[in-house]
Amino acid sequence: MVSRVGVLFVCMGNICRSPIAEGVFRQRVAQAGLDHLIEIDSAGTHGYHIGARPDARAQAAAARRRYDLTSLRARQVTRRDIEVFDYVLAMDRDNLAYLDTLGAPAHRHKPQLFLDYATNADLQEVPDPYYGPDAGFELVLDLAEDASLGLLNHIQRHLGAQGSDMR
């Protein structure tokens, strides 16, 4: 039996980058017919916006590409998240450094940069669009679409390997 895989996207406030990544990845997973095998969530390293919906500009940009973020609500990442999620994906190095302080030594390998899974991005970090023009949200979507495909391919290979181990 193939076990579920947990993916957590993390940015600072959980209202721009990580909910966009969650929405994009959630749709990619559903299109692949794997939503019963992959648990997806997002969180922020800071509790500035707990309970808030994603930024209106993030929602608008996502909606233009047919991603629905309306059901998402901001929350703060916890130590337990590091324990239970298989992939803990930070949008930038500052948030990665914070995540590295949260996890127990046995889970220190889990936090990594989301764009490590991108195949076409020249960047290593997803830039924070919050204080910039609306075009920043389009860039976040571009990066999330690229990295989501790479991540999904990676997880599909992992799930396939698990399945072949069970035969």
C-alpha atoms as a PDB file:
ATOM      1  CA  MET A   1       0.000   0.000   0.000  1.00  0.00           C
ATOM      2  CA  VAL A   2       1.312   3.442  -0.927  1.00  0.00           C
ATOM      3  CA  SER A   3       1.339   5.920   1.960  1.00  0.00           C
ATOM      4  CA  ARG A   4       0.161   9.512   1.791  1.00  0.00           C
ATOM      5  CA  VAL A   5       2.688  12.261   1.168  1.00  0.00           C
ATOM      6  CA  GLY A   6       2.417  15.626   2.928  1.00  0.00           C
ATOM      7  CA  VAL A   7       3.536  18.895   1.306  1.00  0.00           C
ATOM      8  CA  LEU A   8       3.665  22.190   3.201  1.00  0.00           C
ATOM      9  CA  PHE A   9       4.467  25.514   1.521  1.00  0.00           C
ATOM     10  CA  VAL A  10       5.869  28.248   3.778  1.00  0.00           C
ATOM     11  CA  CYS A  11       6.400  31.988   3.408  1.00  0.00           C
ATOM     12  CA  MET A  12       6.416  34.814   5.947  1.00  0.00           C
ATOM     13  CA  GLY A  13       2.750  35.746   6.394  1.00  0.00           C
ATOM     14  CA  ASN A  14       0.944  32.999   4.460  1.00  0.00           C
ATOM     15  CA  ILE A  15      -1.078  35.456   2.384  1.00  0.00           C
ATOM     16  CA  CYS A  16       0.900  35.739  -0.881  1.00  0.00           C
ATOM     17  CA  ARG A  17       3.529  33.234  -1.948  1.00  0.00           C
ATOM     18  CA  SER A  18       2.681  30.090   0.002  1.00  0.00           C
ATOM     19  CA  PRO A  19      -1.072  30.176  -0.701  1.00  0.00           C
ATOM     20  CA  ILE A  20      -0.316  30.702  -4.399  1.00  0.00           C
ATOM     21  CA  ALA A  21       2.030  27.701  -4.303  1.00  0.00           C
ATOM     22  CA  GLU A  22      -0.602  25.678  -2.445  1.00  0.00           C
ATOM     23  CA  GLY A  23      -3.314  26.579  -4.953  1.00  0.00           C
ATOM     24  CA  VAL A  24      -1.175  25.822  -7.986  1.00  0.00           C
ATOM     25  CA  PHE A  25       0.148  22.548  -6.584  1.00  0.00           C
ATOM     26  CA  ARG A  26      -3.296  21.479  -5.373  1.00  0.00           C
ATOM     27  CA  GLN A  27      -4.659  21.866  -8.912  1.00  0.00           C
ATOM     28  CA  ARG A  28      -1.708  20.010 -10.471  1.00  0.00           C
ATOM     29  CA  VAL A  29      -2.170  17.139  -8.006  1.00  0.00           C
ATOM     30  CA  ALA A  30      -5.913  16.950  -8.716  1.00  0.00           C
ATOM     31  CA  GLN A  31      -5.279  16.954 -12.472  1.00  0.00           C
ATOM     32  CA  ALA A  32      -2.880  14.043 -11.968  1.00  0.00           C
ATOM     33  CA  GLY A  33      -5.553  12.165  -9.982  1.00  0.00           C
ATOM     34  CA  LEU A  34      -3.349  12.021  -6.898  1.00  0.00           C
ATOM     35  CA  ASP A  35      -5.289  14.205  -4.461  1.00  0.00           C
ATOM     36  CA  HIS A  36      -6.154  11.105  -2.417  1.00  0.00           C
ATOM     37  CA  LEU A  37      -2.414  10.449  -1.920  1.00  0.00           C
ATOM     38  CA  ILE A  38      -1.003  13.935  -1.388  1.00  0.00           C
ATOM     39  CA  GLU A  39      -1.944  16.212   1.513  1.00  0.00           C
ATOM     40  CA  ILE A  40      -1.263  19.887   0.778  1.00  0.00           C
ATOM     41  CA  ASP A  41      -1.194  22.905   3.091  1.00  0.00           C
ATOM     42  CA  SER A  42       0.552  26.229   3.564  1.00  0.00           C
ATOM     43  CA  ALA A  43       1.657  28.297   6.551  1.00  0.00           C
ATOM     44  CA  GLY A  44       3.636  31.363   7.518  1.00  0.00           C
ATOM     45  CA  THR A  45       6.663  31.731   9.738  1.00  0.00           C
ATOM     46  CA  HIS A  46       5.043  34.767  11.368  1.00  0.00           C
ATOM     47  CA  GLY A  47       1.566  35.087  12.814  1.00  0.00           C
ATOM     48  CA  TYR A  48       0.740  38.470  11.299  1.00  0.00           C
ATOM     49  CA  HIS A  49      -2.305  37.328   9.350  1.00  0.00           C
ATOM     50  CA  ILE A  50      -3.667  34.249  11.143  1.00  0.00           C
ATOM     51  CA  GLY A  51      -7.151  33.449   9.858  1.00  0.00           C
ATOM     52  CA  ALA A  52      -6.940  35.925   6.956  1.00  0.00           C
ATOM     53  CA  ARG A  53      -7.657  35.072   3.351  1.00  0.00           C
ATOM     54  CA  PRO A  54      -4.831  35.368   0.823  1.00  0.00           C
ATOM     55  CA  ASP A  55      -4.014  38.911  -0.307  1.00  0.00           C
ATOM     56  CA  ALA A  56      -6.640  40.192  -2.755  1.00  0.00           C
ATOM     57  CA  ARG A  57      -3.964  40.705  -5.423  1.00  0.00           C
ATOM     58  CA  ALA A  58      -2.808  37.092  -5.000  1.00  0.00           C
ATOM     59  CA  GLN A  59      -6.373  35.860  -5.324  1.00  0.00           C
ATOM     60  CA  ALA A  60      -7.018  37.993  -8.413  1.00  0.00           C
ATOM     61  CA  ALA A  61      -3.822  36.903 -10.170  1.00  0.00           C
ATOM     62  CA  ALA A  62      -4.502  33.259  -9.317  1.00  0.00           C
ATOM     63  CA  ALA A  63      -8.119  33.488 -10.488  1.00  0.00           C
ATOM     64  CA  ARG A  64      -6.979  34.836 -13.868  1.00  0.00           C
ATOM     65  CA  ARG A  65      -5.157  31.517 -14.296  1.00  0.00           C
ATOM     66  CA  ARG A  66      -8.072  29.520 -12.882  1.00  0.00           C
ATOM     67  CA  TYR A  67      -6.607  28.770  -9.457  1.00  0.00           C
ATOM     68  CA  ASP A  68      -9.022  29.177  -6.574  1.00  0.00           C
ATOM     69  CA  LEU A  69      -7.504  30.460  -3.309  1.00  0.00           C
ATOM     70  CA  THR A  70     -10.774  31.577  -1.690  1.00  0.00           C
ATOM     71  CA  SER A  71     -10.983  28.721   0.814  1.00  0.00           C
ATOM     72  CA  LEU A  72      -7.432  29.205   2.131  1.00  0.00           C
ATOM     73  CA  ARG A  73      -6.758  30.879   5.486  1.00  0.00           C
ATOM     74  CA  ALA A  74      -3.425  31.968   6.908  1.00  0.00           C
ATOM     75  CA  ARG A  75      -1.896  30.069   9.781  1.00  0.00           C
ATOM     76  CA  GLN A  76       1.478  29.923  11.456  1.00  0.00           C
ATOM     77  CA  VAL A  77       3.823  26.997  10.961  1.00  0.00           C
ATOM     78  CA  THR A  78       4.411  24.781  13.991  1.00  0.00           C
ATOM     79  CA  ARG A  79       7.070  22.349  15.132  1.00  0.00           C
ATOM     80  CA  ARG A  80       4.550  19.549  14.522  1.00  0.00           C
ATOM     81  CA  ASP A  81       4.313  20.591  10.854  1.00  0.00           C
ATOM     82  CA  ILE A  82       8.007  19.821  10.451  1.00  0.00           C
ATOM     83  CA  GLU A  83       7.399  16.388  11.958  1.00  0.00           C
ATOM     84  CA  VAL A  84       4.309  15.365   9.967  1.00  0.00           C
ATOM     85  CA  PHE A  85       4.882  16.845   6.502  1.00  0.00           C
ATOM     86  CA  ASP A  86       7.276  15.035   4.193  1.00  0.00           C
ATOM     87  CA  TYR A  87       8.094  18.164   2.172  1.00  0.00           C
ATOM     88  CA  VAL A  88       8.411  21.528   3.947  1.00  0.00           C
ATOM     89  CA  LEU A  89       9.071  24.027   1.187  1.00  0.00           C
ATOM     90  CA  ALA A  90      10.207  27.557   1.982  1.00  0.00           C
ATOM     91  CA  MET A  91       9.788  30.364  -0.500  1.00  0.00           C
ATOM     92  CA  ASP A  92      13.106  32.006   0.434  1.00  0.00           C
ATOM     93  CA  ARG A  93      16.251  31.557   2.517  1.00  0.00           C
ATOM     94  CA  ASP A  94      15.011  33.688   5.445  1.00  0.00           C
ATOM     95  CA  ASN A  95      11.995  31.448   5.922  1.00  0.00           C
ATOM     96  CA  LEU A  96      14.149  28.372   5.371  1.00  0.00           C
ATOM     97  CA  ALA A  97      16.464  29.515   8.168  1.00  0.00           C
ATOM     98  CA  TYR A  98      13.458  29.911  10.485  1.00  0.00           C
ATOM     99  CA  LEU A  99      12.201  26.426   9.602  1.00  0.00           C
ATOM    100  CA  ASP A 100      15.632  24.987  10.318  1.00  0.00           C
ATOM    101  CA  THR A 101      15.308  26.203  13.927  1.00  0.00           C
ATOM    102  CA  LEU A 102      11.869  24.608  14.396  1.00  0.00           C
ATOM    103  CA  GLY A 103      12.450  20.984  13.611  1.00  0.00           C
ATOM    104  CA  ALA A 104      13.874  18.305  15.838  1.00  0.00           C
ATOM    105  CA  PRO A 105      17.244  16.943  14.679  1.00  0.00           C
ATOM    106  CA  ALA A 106      15.537  13.912  13.109  1.00  0.00           C
ATOM    107  CA  HIS A 107      13.562  16.220  10.793  1.00  0.00           C
ATOM    108  CA  ARG A 108      16.210  18.832   9.920  1.00  0.00           C
ATOM    109  CA  HIS A 109      16.484  17.408   6.407  1.00  0.00           C
ATOM    110  CA  LYS A 110      12.888  18.295   5.515  1.00  0.00           C
ATOM    111  CA  PRO A 111      12.929  22.083   5.060  1.00  0.00           C
ATOM    112  CA  GLN A 112      14.162  23.061   1.613  1.00  0.00           C
ATOM    113  CA  LEU A 113      13.591  25.755  -0.975  1.00  0.00           C
ATOM    114  CA  PHE A 114      10.516  25.343  -3.185  1.00  0.00           C
ATOM    115  CA  LEU A 115      12.414  26.495  -6.259  1.00  0.00           C
ATOM    116  CA  ASP A 116      14.813  23.558  -5.865  1.00  0.00           C
ATOM    117  CA  TYR A 117      12.098  21.753  -7.870  1.00  0.00           C
ATOM    118  CA  ALA A 118      11.874  24.359 -10.643  1.00  0.00           C
ATOM    119  CA  THR A 119      13.245  23.427 -14.034  1.00  0.00           C
ATOM    120  CA  ASN A 120      13.049  26.752 -15.884  1.00  0.00           C
ATOM    121  CA  ALA A 121      13.648  29.349 -13.170  1.00  0.00           C
ATOM    122  CA  ASP A 122      16.816  31.399 -12.972  1.00  0.00           C
ATOM    123  CA  LEU A 123      15.947  32.273  -9.374  1.00  0.00           C
ATOM    124  CA  GLN A 124      16.522  30.262  -6.223  1.00  0.00           C
ATOM    125  CA  GLU A 125      13.982  32.136  -4.113  1.00  0.00           C
ATOM    126  CA  VAL A 126      10.389  33.184  -4.771  1.00  0.00           C
ATOM    127  CA  PRO A 127      10.404  36.988  -4.387  1.00  0.00           C
ATOM    128  CA  ASP A 128       7.847  38.492  -2.016  1.00  0.00           C
ATOM    129  CA  PRO A 129       5.345  40.494  -4.109  1.00  0.00           C
ATOM    130  CA  TYR A 130       3.573  42.106  -1.142  1.00  0.00           C
ATOM    131  CA  TYR A 131       5.115  45.594  -1.367  1.00  0.00           C
ATOM    132  CA  GLY A 132       5.573  45.639  -5.131  1.00  0.00           C
ATOM    133  CA  PRO A 133       3.428  46.034  -8.225  1.00  0.00           C
ATOM    134  CA  ASP A 134       0.798  43.504  -9.280  1.00  0.00           C
ATOM    135  CA  ALA A 135       3.252  42.025 -11.799  1.00  0.00           C
ATOM    136  CA  GLY A 136       5.073  40.470  -8.842  1.00  0.00           C
ATOM    137  CA  PHE A 137       2.117  38.142  -8.293  1.00  0.00           C
ATOM    138  CA  GLU A 138       2.327  37.012 -11.915  1.00  0.00           C
ATOM    139  CA  LEU A 139       5.992  36.146 -11.391  1.00  0.00           C
ATOM    140  CA  VAL A 140       5.112  34.160  -8.258  1.00  0.00           C
ATOM    141  CA  LEU A 141       2.532  32.240 -10.299  1.00  0.00           C
ATOM    142  CA  ASP A 142       5.065  31.550 -13.058  1.00  0.00           C
ATOM    143  CA  LEU A 143       7.567  30.230 -10.516  1.00  0.00           C
ATOM    144  CA  ALA A 144       4.926  28.199  -8.657  1.00  0.00           C
ATOM    145  CA  GLU A 145       3.729  26.583 -11.887  1.00  0.00           C
ATOM    146  CA  ASP A 146       7.278  25.595 -12.821  1.00  0.00           C
ATOM    147  CA  ALA A 147       8.289  24.290  -9.396  1.00  0.00           C
ATOM    148  CA  SER A 148       4.951  22.524  -8.898  1.00  0.00           C
ATOM    149  CA  LEU A 149       5.490  20.442 -12.020  1.00  0.00           C
ATOM    150  CA  GLY A 150       8.983  19.503 -10.886  1.00  0.00           C
ATOM    151  CA  LEU A 151       7.759  18.668  -7.385  1.00  0.00           C
ATOM    152  CA  LEU A 152       4.863  16.593  -8.682  1.00  0.00           C
ATOM    153  CA  ASN A 153       7.183  14.658 -10.997  1.00  0.00           C
ATOM    154  CA  HIS A 154       9.523  14.031  -8.051  1.00  0.00           C
ATOM    155  CA  ILE A 155       6.677  12.815  -5.815  1.00  0.00           C
ATOM    156  CA  GLN A 156       5.237  10.635  -8.588  1.00  0.00           C
ATOM    157  CA  ARG A 157       8.625   8.925  -8.933  1.00  0.00           C
ATOM    158  CA  HIS A 158       8.696   8.445  -5.140  1.00  0.00           C
ATOM    159  CA  LEU A 159       5.158   7.028  -5.098  1.00  0.00           C
ATOM    160  CA  GLY A 160       6.004   4.752  -8.037  1.00  0.00           C
ATOM    161  CA  ALA A 161       9.061   3.470  -6.207  1.00  0.00           C
ATOM    162  CA  GLN A 162       6.921   2.802  -3.118  1.00  0.00           C
ATOM    163  CA  GLY A 163       4.403   0.931  -5.233  1.00  0.00           C
ATOM    164  CA  SER A 164       7.059  -1.217  -6.881  1.00  0.00           C
ATOM    165  CA  ASP A 165       8.494  -2.051  -3.444  1.00  0.00           C
ATOM    166  CA  MET A 166       5.103  -3.467  -2.481  1.00  0.00           C
ATOM    167  CA  ARG A 167       4.887  -5.941  -5.389  1.00  0.00           C
END
